[in-house]
Amino acid sequence: MAQVVVNMGRRARPVELLVLGGKHKRSKRQITARQQVEAALRPPADKLEPPHWLDDEARAVFLAVVAAFDQAGLRVLTNADVNTLAVYADAVARYVEASRLVREQGPVAGNKPHPAVLAAAKYAQIMHQAGGRLGLDPASRATLAKAAAEQAAPDEFDRLFGQREE
């Protein structure tokens, strides 16, 4: 039986981020082709609604995140992100519950850490991972802001001579 080897290198980044970073070895034609493929693969964003299994607290977090992106004018979230956003929203709601328990009952139960302390730490980790994938942490937002600024304001060279050939 043949064995499949999976390359576990870095995750692929959208071509826009590669271009903004400036460290790439792609021609303008390659960049344009990749942009077209990425646009064709981009899922629609017409069903950004919380899944039925979210409780009221998590549902409120879900809707607040969608509203925040909408108010910022960022069309980043798609239908494919609904489950990741739901996991994030659920983790936020559970983190709040665990934190409340720790405040009420204390961080120690007997001679061991309160189970809610461990739960809060786990939910914080889930929030961090899912939030990073959704653009909800400072580094992700900075990347989005940089991309938006670069697209919105061409530099003096671009104004005078057109787009640069990469």
N, C-alpha and C. Protein backbone atom coordinates (compact mmCIF):
# COMPACT_ATOMS: atom_id res chain seq x y z
N MET A 1 0.84 -1.17 0.00
CA MET A 1 0.00 0.00 0.00
C MET A 1 0.89 1.24 0.00
N ALA A 2 0.58 2.20 -0.86
CA ALA A 2 1.37 3.43 -0.95
C ALA A 2 1.05 4.34 0.22
N GLN A 3 2.08 5.00 0.69
CA GLN A 3 1.90 5.90 1.81
C GLN A 3 1.87 7.34 1.29
N VAL A 4 0.93 8.14 1.78
CA VAL A 4 0.82 9.52 1.38
C VAL A 4 1.59 10.38 2.37
N VAL A 5 2.45 11.23 1.85
CA VAL A 5 3.23 12.12 2.69
C VAL A 5 2.62 13.51 2.55
N VAL A 6 2.28 14.11 3.68
CA VAL A 6 1.68 15.44 3.68
C VAL A 6 2.73 16.43 4.15
N ASN A 7 2.92 17.48 3.37
CA ASN A 7 3.86 18.53 3.73
C ASN A 7 3.23 19.37 4.82
N MET A 8 3.88 19.44 5.97
CA MET A 8 3.34 20.18 7.10
C MET A 8 4.08 21.51 7.27
N GLY A 9 4.34 22.19 6.17
CA GLY A 9 5.01 23.48 6.23
C GLY A 9 4.05 24.56 6.67
N ARG A 10 4.41 25.77 6.38
CA ARG A 10 3.56 26.90 6.73
C ARG A 10 2.26 26.87 5.96
N ARG A 11 1.25 27.45 6.56
CA ARG A 11 -0.04 27.56 5.88
C ARG A 11 0.07 28.55 4.74
N ALA A 12 -0.64 28.30 3.67
CA ALA A 12 -0.63 29.22 2.53
C ALA A 12 -1.27 30.54 2.95
N ARG A 13 -0.74 31.62 2.43
CA ARG A 13 -1.29 32.94 2.72
C ARG A 13 -1.91 33.49 1.45
N PRO A 14 -2.97 34.29 1.58
CA PRO A 14 -3.55 34.91 0.39
C PRO A 14 -2.49 35.71 -0.36
N VAL A 15 -2.60 35.73 -1.66
CA VAL A 15 -1.59 36.39 -2.48
C VAL A 15 -1.48 37.87 -2.15
N GLU A 16 -2.58 38.51 -1.75
CA GLU A 16 -2.52 39.93 -1.39
C GLU A 16 -1.54 40.16 -0.24
N LEU A 17 -1.54 39.26 0.73
CA LEU A 17 -0.63 39.40 1.86
C LEU A 17 0.80 39.15 1.44
N LEU A 18 1.01 38.23 0.52
CA LEU A 18 2.36 37.98 0.01
C LEU A 18 2.90 39.22 -0.70
N VAL A 19 2.06 39.83 -1.51
CA VAL A 19 2.48 41.02 -2.25
C VAL A 19 2.76 42.17 -1.28
N LEU A 20 1.90 42.34 -0.29
CA LEU A 20 2.10 43.42 0.68
C LEU A 20 3.39 43.23 1.46
N GLY A 21 3.71 41.98 1.75
CA GLY A 21 4.94 41.69 2.49
C GLY A 21 6.18 41.98 1.67
N GLY A 22 6.04 41.97 0.35
CA GLY A 22 7.15 42.31 -0.53
C GLY A 22 8.16 41.20 -0.76
N LYS A 23 8.06 40.10 -0.03
CA LYS A 23 9.03 39.02 -0.16
C LYS A 23 8.40 37.85 -0.90
N HIS A 24 8.31 37.99 -2.17
CA HIS A 24 7.78 36.91 -3.00
C HIS A 24 8.50 36.93 -4.33
N LYS A 25 8.43 35.82 -5.02
CA LYS A 25 9.11 35.72 -6.32
C LYS A 25 8.10 35.34 -7.37
N ARG A 26 7.06 36.16 -7.49
CA ARG A 26 6.00 35.89 -8.45
C ARG A 26 5.91 37.04 -9.44
N SER A 27 5.62 36.70 -10.67
CA SER A 27 5.44 37.73 -11.69
C SER A 27 4.04 38.32 -11.55
N LYS A 28 3.81 39.44 -12.20
CA LYS A 28 2.50 40.07 -12.17
C LYS A 28 1.45 39.11 -12.73
N ARG A 29 1.82 38.35 -13.76
CA ARG A 29 0.90 37.39 -14.37
C ARG A 29 0.54 36.28 -13.36
N GLN A 30 1.54 35.80 -12.62
CA GLN A 30 1.27 34.76 -11.61
C GLN A 30 0.38 35.30 -10.49
N ILE A 31 0.63 36.53 -10.09
CA ILE A 31 -0.18 37.15 -9.03
C ILE A 31 -1.62 37.30 -9.49
N THR A 32 -1.81 37.79 -10.71
CA THR A 32 -3.16 37.97 -11.25
C THR A 32 -3.88 36.63 -11.34
N ALA A 33 -3.19 35.59 -11.81
CA ALA A 33 -3.81 34.27 -11.92
C ALA A 33 -4.21 33.75 -10.54
N ARG A 34 -3.36 33.94 -9.56
CA ARG A 34 -3.69 33.47 -8.21
C ARG A 34 -4.85 34.27 -7.62
N GLN A 35 -4.89 35.57 -7.87
CA GLN A 35 -6.01 36.39 -7.38
C GLN A 35 -7.32 35.90 -7.97
N GLN A 36 -7.32 35.54 -9.25
CA GLN A 36 -8.53 35.05 -9.89
C GLN A 36 -8.97 33.72 -9.29
N VAL A 37 -8.03 32.83 -9.03
CA VAL A 37 -8.36 31.54 -8.43
C VAL A 37 -8.89 31.73 -7.01
N GLU A 38 -8.23 32.60 -6.23
CA GLU A 38 -8.68 32.85 -4.87
C GLU A 38 -10.08 33.46 -4.86
N ALA A 39 -10.35 34.37 -5.80
CA ALA A 39 -11.68 34.98 -5.86
C ALA A 39 -12.73 33.94 -6.23
N ALA A 40 -12.39 33.02 -7.14
CA ALA A 40 -13.34 31.99 -7.54
C ALA A 40 -13.61 31.00 -6.40
N LEU A 41 -12.61 30.78 -5.56
CA LEU A 41 -12.78 29.85 -4.44
C LEU A 41 -13.41 30.50 -3.21
N ARG A 42 -13.52 31.82 -3.20
CA ARG A 42 -14.07 32.51 -2.03
C ARG A 42 -15.56 32.18 -1.89
N PRO A 43 -15.94 31.63 -0.75
CA PRO A 43 -17.35 31.29 -0.53
C PRO A 43 -18.20 32.56 -0.41
N PRO A 44 -19.49 32.44 -0.63
CA PRO A 44 -20.37 33.60 -0.47
C PRO A 44 -20.50 33.97 1.02
N ALA A 45 -21.07 35.13 1.26
CA ALA A 45 -21.25 35.61 2.63
C ALA A 45 -22.71 35.98 2.88
N ASP A 46 -23.61 35.15 2.35
CA ASP A 46 -25.03 35.47 2.46
C ASP A 46 -25.75 34.76 3.61
N LYS A 47 -25.04 33.92 4.35
CA LYS A 47 -25.67 33.18 5.45
C LYS A 47 -24.82 33.26 6.72
N LEU A 48 -24.48 34.47 7.10
CA LEU A 48 -23.67 34.68 8.30
C LEU A 48 -24.60 34.76 9.52
N GLU A 49 -25.23 33.65 9.81
CA GLU A 49 -26.16 33.58 10.93
C GLU A 49 -25.70 32.52 11.91
N PRO A 50 -25.94 32.75 13.21
CA PRO A 50 -25.49 31.78 14.21
C PRO A 50 -26.16 30.43 14.03
N PRO A 51 -25.41 29.34 14.20
CA PRO A 51 -26.02 28.01 14.12
C PRO A 51 -27.06 27.82 15.23
N HIS A 52 -27.97 26.92 15.01
CA HIS A 52 -29.07 26.69 15.96
C HIS A 52 -28.58 26.19 17.32
N TRP A 53 -27.42 25.57 17.38
CA TRP A 53 -26.95 24.97 18.62
C TRP A 53 -26.32 25.97 19.59
N LEU A 54 -26.11 27.20 19.16
CA LEU A 54 -25.55 28.20 20.08
C LEU A 54 -26.61 28.68 21.06
N ASP A 55 -26.21 28.86 22.32
CA ASP A 55 -27.15 29.40 23.30
C ASP A 55 -27.22 30.92 23.13
N ASP A 56 -28.06 31.57 23.93
CA ASP A 56 -28.29 33.00 23.75
C ASP A 56 -27.03 33.84 23.94
N GLU A 57 -26.19 33.49 24.93
CA GLU A 57 -24.97 34.26 25.17
C GLU A 57 -24.01 34.14 24.00
N ALA A 58 -23.80 32.93 23.52
CA ALA A 58 -22.90 32.71 22.40
C ALA A 58 -23.46 33.33 21.12
N ARG A 59 -24.76 33.26 20.96
CA ARG A 59 -25.42 33.86 19.80
C ARG A 59 -25.16 35.38 19.79
N ALA A 60 -25.24 36.00 20.95
CA ALA A 60 -25.00 37.45 21.04
C ALA A 60 -23.56 37.79 20.65
N VAL A 61 -22.60 36.96 21.07
CA VAL A 61 -21.20 37.18 20.70
C VAL A 61 -21.04 37.04 19.19
N PHE A 62 -21.61 35.99 18.62
CA PHE A 62 -21.56 35.74 17.18
C PHE A 62 -22.05 36.96 16.41
N LEU A 63 -23.24 37.45 16.77
CA LEU A 63 -23.84 38.58 16.07
C LEU A 63 -23.04 39.87 16.28
N ALA A 64 -22.43 40.02 17.44
CA ALA A 64 -21.61 41.21 17.70
C ALA A 64 -20.36 41.22 16.82
N VAL A 65 -19.75 40.07 16.62
CA VAL A 65 -18.56 39.99 15.77
C VAL A 65 -18.94 40.30 14.32
N VAL A 66 -20.02 39.71 13.84
CA VAL A 66 -20.47 39.98 12.46
C VAL A 66 -20.76 41.47 12.30
N ALA A 67 -21.45 42.06 13.28
CA ALA A 67 -21.78 43.48 13.22
C ALA A 67 -20.52 44.35 13.24
N ALA A 68 -19.53 43.97 14.03
CA ALA A 68 -18.29 44.74 14.10
C ALA A 68 -17.57 44.76 12.75
N PHE A 69 -17.52 43.61 12.09
CA PHE A 69 -16.90 43.56 10.76
C PHE A 69 -17.71 44.39 9.77
N ASP A 70 -19.03 44.30 9.85
CA ASP A 70 -19.88 45.09 8.95
C ASP A 70 -19.68 46.59 9.16
N GLN A 71 -19.65 47.02 10.43
CA GLN A 71 -19.47 48.44 10.73
C GLN A 71 -18.12 48.94 10.26
N ALA A 72 -17.13 48.08 10.29
CA ALA A 72 -15.79 48.46 9.83
C ALA A 72 -15.69 48.44 8.31
N GLY A 73 -16.72 47.94 7.66
CA GLY A 73 -16.71 47.86 6.20
C GLY A 73 -15.85 46.73 5.67
N LEU A 74 -15.53 45.77 6.52
CA LEU A 74 -14.69 44.65 6.11
C LEU A 74 -15.57 43.46 5.72
N ARG A 75 -15.40 43.00 4.53
CA ARG A 75 -16.13 41.82 4.05
C ARG A 75 -15.18 40.63 4.10
N VAL A 76 -14.79 40.25 5.29
CA VAL A 76 -13.81 39.19 5.48
C VAL A 76 -14.49 37.86 5.74
N LEU A 77 -15.54 37.87 6.55
CA LEU A 77 -16.21 36.63 6.92
C LEU A 77 -17.06 36.10 5.78
N THR A 78 -17.04 34.78 5.62
CA THR A 78 -17.86 34.12 4.60
C THR A 78 -18.66 33.01 5.25
N ASN A 79 -19.51 32.37 4.48
CA ASN A 79 -20.29 31.24 4.98
C ASN A 79 -19.39 30.13 5.51
N ALA A 80 -18.21 30.01 4.94
CA ALA A 80 -17.28 28.97 5.39
C ALA A 80 -16.72 29.27 6.79
N ASP A 81 -16.85 30.50 7.25
CA ASP A 81 -16.33 30.89 8.57
C ASP A 81 -17.36 30.75 9.68
N VAL A 82 -18.59 30.40 9.35
CA VAL A 82 -19.66 30.36 10.35
C VAL A 82 -19.33 29.42 11.50
N ASN A 83 -18.84 28.23 11.20
CA ASN A 83 -18.56 27.29 12.29
C ASN A 83 -17.38 27.73 13.14
N THR A 84 -16.36 28.30 12.52
CA THR A 84 -15.22 28.80 13.31
C THR A 84 -15.68 29.95 14.20
N LEU A 85 -16.51 30.82 13.67
CA LEU A 85 -17.04 31.92 14.47
C LEU A 85 -17.95 31.39 15.58
N ALA A 86 -18.71 30.35 15.29
CA ALA A 86 -19.57 29.75 16.30
C ALA A 86 -18.74 29.15 17.43
N VAL A 87 -17.65 28.48 17.09
CA VAL A 87 -16.75 27.92 18.11
C VAL A 87 -16.18 29.05 18.96
N TYR A 88 -15.76 30.12 18.31
CA TYR A 88 -15.24 31.28 19.03
C TYR A 88 -16.30 31.84 19.99
N ALA A 89 -17.49 32.06 19.47
CA ALA A 89 -18.57 32.64 20.28
C ALA A 89 -18.93 31.73 21.45
N ASP A 90 -18.98 30.44 21.21
CA ASP A 90 -19.28 29.49 22.28
C ASP A 90 -18.18 29.51 23.34
N ALA A 91 -16.93 29.57 22.90
CA ALA A 91 -15.81 29.62 23.85
C ALA A 91 -15.85 30.89 24.69
N VAL A 92 -16.23 32.01 24.09
CA VAL A 92 -16.35 33.25 24.84
C VAL A 92 -17.44 33.10 25.92
N ALA A 93 -18.58 32.56 25.53
CA ALA A 93 -19.68 32.39 26.48
C ALA A 93 -19.29 31.44 27.62
N ARG A 94 -18.60 30.34 27.29
CA ARG A 94 -18.18 29.39 28.33
C ARG A 94 -17.09 29.99 29.21
N TYR A 95 -16.21 30.80 28.62
CA TYR A 95 -15.16 31.47 29.39
C TYR A 95 -15.79 32.41 30.42
N VAL A 96 -16.80 33.13 30.01
CA VAL A 96 -17.49 34.05 30.93
C VAL A 96 -18.12 33.25 32.07
N GLU A 97 -18.74 32.12 31.76
CA GLU A 97 -19.33 31.28 32.81
C GLU A 97 -18.27 30.79 33.79
N ALA A 98 -17.17 30.28 33.26
CA ALA A 98 -16.11 29.76 34.12
C ALA A 98 -15.51 30.87 34.98
N SER A 99 -15.31 32.04 34.40
CA SER A 99 -14.77 33.17 35.16
C SER A 99 -15.71 33.58 36.28
N ARG A 100 -17.00 33.57 36.00
CA ARG A 100 -17.99 33.90 37.03
C ARG A 100 -17.91 32.91 38.19
N LEU A 101 -17.80 31.62 37.87
CA LEU A 101 -17.68 30.61 38.91
C LEU A 101 -16.43 30.82 39.77
N VAL A 102 -15.33 31.15 39.13
CA VAL A 102 -14.08 31.39 39.87
C VAL A 102 -14.24 32.59 40.79
N ARG A 103 -14.88 33.66 40.29
CA ARG A 103 -15.10 34.84 41.13
C ARG A 103 -15.98 34.50 42.33
N GLU A 104 -17.02 33.71 42.11
CA GLU A 104 -17.97 33.39 43.17
C GLU A 104 -17.40 32.37 44.17
N GLN A 105 -16.70 31.36 43.67
CA GLN A 105 -16.29 30.24 44.51
C GLN A 105 -14.81 30.23 44.85
N GLY A 106 -14.05 31.12 44.23
CA GLY A 106 -12.62 31.18 44.49
C GLY A 106 -11.84 30.30 43.54
N PRO A 107 -10.55 30.59 43.39
CA PRO A 107 -9.72 29.84 42.43
C PRO A 107 -9.26 28.48 42.93
N VAL A 108 -9.49 28.19 44.22
CA VAL A 108 -9.03 26.92 44.78
C VAL A 108 -10.22 26.18 45.37
N ALA A 109 -10.27 24.88 45.09
CA ALA A 109 -11.30 24.00 45.66
C ALA A 109 -10.57 22.94 46.48
N GLY A 110 -10.61 23.10 47.81
CA GLY A 110 -9.83 22.20 48.65
C GLY A 110 -8.36 22.56 48.52
N ASN A 111 -7.56 21.61 48.10
CA ASN A 111 -6.14 21.90 47.90
C ASN A 111 -5.75 21.84 46.42
N LYS A 112 -6.75 21.91 45.55
CA LYS A 112 -6.51 21.85 44.10
C LYS A 112 -7.11 23.08 43.43
N PRO A 113 -6.62 23.41 42.24
CA PRO A 113 -7.25 24.51 41.51
C PRO A 113 -8.71 24.17 41.21
N HIS A 114 -9.55 25.17 41.29
CA HIS A 114 -10.97 24.98 40.97
C HIS A 114 -11.07 24.50 39.51
N PRO A 115 -11.92 23.53 39.22
CA PRO A 115 -12.05 23.05 37.83
C PRO A 115 -12.40 24.17 36.85
N ALA A 116 -13.08 25.19 37.33
CA ALA A 116 -13.45 26.30 36.45
C ALA A 116 -12.22 27.09 36.00
N VAL A 117 -11.15 27.08 36.81
CA VAL A 117 -9.91 27.76 36.41
C VAL A 117 -9.33 27.05 35.19
N LEU A 118 -9.30 25.74 35.24
CA LEU A 118 -8.78 24.97 34.10
C LEU A 118 -9.68 25.13 32.87
N ALA A 119 -10.99 25.14 33.10
CA ALA A 119 -11.93 25.32 31.99
C ALA A 119 -11.73 26.70 31.35
N ALA A 120 -11.59 27.74 32.17
CA ALA A 120 -11.39 29.09 31.64
C ALA A 120 -10.12 29.15 30.80
N ALA A 121 -9.07 28.49 31.28
CA ALA A 121 -7.81 28.48 30.52
C ALA A 121 -7.99 27.79 29.16
N LYS A 122 -8.72 26.70 29.15
CA LYS A 122 -8.96 25.98 27.90
C LYS A 122 -9.80 26.82 26.93
N TYR A 123 -10.84 27.48 27.47
CA TYR A 123 -11.67 28.32 26.61
C TYR A 123 -10.89 29.53 26.10
N ALA A 124 -9.99 30.07 26.92
CA ALA A 124 -9.15 31.18 26.46
C ALA A 124 -8.27 30.73 25.30
N GLN A 125 -7.76 29.50 25.37
CA GLN A 125 -6.93 28.98 24.28
C GLN A 125 -7.76 28.82 23.00
N ILE A 126 -8.97 28.31 23.13
CA ILE A 126 -9.85 28.17 21.97
C ILE A 126 -10.17 29.54 21.37
N MET A 127 -10.46 30.51 22.24
CA MET A 127 -10.75 31.87 21.77
C MET A 127 -9.55 32.43 21.00
N HIS A 128 -8.36 32.22 21.52
CA HIS A 128 -7.15 32.73 20.88
C HIS A 128 -6.96 32.10 19.49
N GLN A 129 -7.11 30.79 19.41
CA GLN A 129 -6.91 30.11 18.13
C GLN A 129 -7.97 30.50 17.10
N ALA A 130 -9.23 30.41 17.49
CA ALA A 130 -10.30 30.73 16.55
C ALA A 130 -10.29 32.22 16.22
N GLY A 131 -10.04 33.06 17.21
CA GLY A 131 -10.01 34.49 16.97
C GLY A 131 -8.92 34.89 16.00
N GLY A 132 -7.77 34.24 16.09
CA GLY A 132 -6.69 34.52 15.16
C GLY A 132 -7.05 34.16 13.73
N ARG A 133 -7.76 33.07 13.58
CA ARG A 133 -8.16 32.66 12.23
C ARG A 133 -9.22 33.57 11.63
N LEU A 134 -9.97 34.24 12.50
CA LEU A 134 -11.04 35.11 12.04
C LEU A 134 -10.62 36.58 11.93
N GLY A 135 -9.41 36.90 12.35
CA GLY A 135 -8.95 38.28 12.31
C GLY A 135 -9.38 39.06 13.54
N LEU A 136 -9.52 38.38 14.67
CA LEU A 136 -10.01 39.03 15.88
C LEU A 136 -8.92 39.36 16.89
N ASP A 137 -7.66 39.15 16.54
CA ASP A 137 -6.59 39.53 17.44
C ASP A 137 -5.83 40.71 16.83
N PRO A 138 -5.06 41.43 17.62
CA PRO A 138 -4.39 42.63 17.11
C PRO A 138 -3.51 42.38 15.88
N ALA A 139 -2.77 41.29 15.86
CA ALA A 139 -1.89 41.02 14.72
C ALA A 139 -2.70 40.77 13.45
N SER A 140 -3.78 40.03 13.57
CA SER A 140 -4.63 39.78 12.40
C SER A 140 -5.28 41.07 11.90
N ARG A 141 -5.73 41.90 12.83
CA ARG A 141 -6.34 43.18 12.44
C ARG A 141 -5.30 44.08 11.78
N ALA A 142 -4.08 44.07 12.28
CA ALA A 142 -3.04 44.89 11.67
C ALA A 142 -2.78 44.45 10.24
N THR A 143 -2.80 43.15 10.00
CA THR A 143 -2.61 42.62 8.65
C THR A 143 -3.75 43.08 7.74
N LEU A 144 -4.99 43.01 8.25
CA LEU A 144 -6.14 43.47 7.47
C LEU A 144 -6.05 44.97 7.20
N ALA A 145 -5.65 45.74 8.21
CA ALA A 145 -5.55 47.19 8.05
C ALA A 145 -4.48 47.55 7.03
N LYS A 146 -3.37 46.85 7.09
CA LYS A 146 -2.28 47.12 6.15
C LYS A 146 -2.74 46.83 4.72
N ALA A 147 -3.42 45.71 4.54
CA ALA A 147 -3.91 45.36 3.20
C ALA A 147 -4.90 46.40 2.70
N ALA A 148 -5.82 46.83 3.56
CA ALA A 148 -6.81 47.82 3.16
C ALA A 148 -6.15 49.16 2.82
N ALA A 149 -5.18 49.58 3.62
CA ALA A 149 -4.50 50.85 3.37
C ALA A 149 -3.71 50.80 2.08
N GLU A 150 -3.05 49.70 1.81
CA GLU A 150 -2.27 49.57 0.59
C GLU A 150 -3.16 49.63 -0.65
N GLN A 151 -4.34 49.02 -0.55
CA GLN A 151 -5.25 49.02 -1.69
C GLN A 151 -5.90 50.39 -1.87
N ALA A 152 -6.16 51.09 -0.78
CA ALA A 152 -6.88 52.35 -0.84
C ALA A 152 -6.01 53.51 -1.31
N ALA A 153 -4.74 53.51 -0.96
CA ALA A 153 -3.89 54.66 -1.24
C ALA A 153 -2.66 54.26 -2.03
N PRO A 154 -2.70 54.45 -3.34
CA PRO A 154 -1.51 54.16 -4.13
C PRO A 154 -0.40 55.17 -3.78
N ASP A 155 0.83 54.72 -3.85
CA ASP A 155 1.93 55.62 -3.54
C ASP A 155 2.20 56.54 -4.73
N GLU A 156 3.14 57.47 -4.55
CA GLU A 156 3.44 58.46 -5.57
C GLU A 156 3.89 57.81 -6.88
N PHE A 157 4.69 56.75 -6.80
CA PHE A 157 5.15 56.06 -8.00
C PHE A 157 3.96 55.52 -8.79
N ASP A 158 3.02 54.88 -8.08
CA ASP A 158 1.86 54.32 -8.76
C ASP A 158 1.00 55.41 -9.39
N ARG A 159 0.88 56.55 -8.71
CA ARG A 159 0.09 57.66 -9.28
C ARG A 159 0.72 58.19 -10.56
N LEU A 160 2.04 58.28 -10.57
CA LEU A 160 2.73 58.85 -11.73
C LEU A 160 2.89 57.87 -12.88
N PHE A 161 3.18 56.62 -12.55
CA PHE A 161 3.56 55.67 -13.59
C PHE A 161 2.67 54.45 -13.70
N GLY A 162 1.66 54.34 -12.88
CA GLY A 162 0.81 53.14 -12.90
C GLY A 162 1.34 52.09 -11.96
N GLN A 163 0.69 50.94 -11.97
CA GLN A 163 1.06 49.85 -11.07
C GLN A 163 2.46 49.35 -11.38
N ARG A 164 3.16 48.96 -10.34
CA ARG A 164 4.51 48.42 -10.52
C ARG A 164 4.45 46.99 -11.04
N GLU A 165 5.38 46.67 -11.88
CA GLU A 165 5.51 45.30 -12.37
C GLU A 165 6.29 44.51 -11.34
N GLU A 166 5.73 43.47 -10.81
CA GLU A 166 6.40 42.66 -9.79
C GLU A 166 7.20 41.56 -10.42
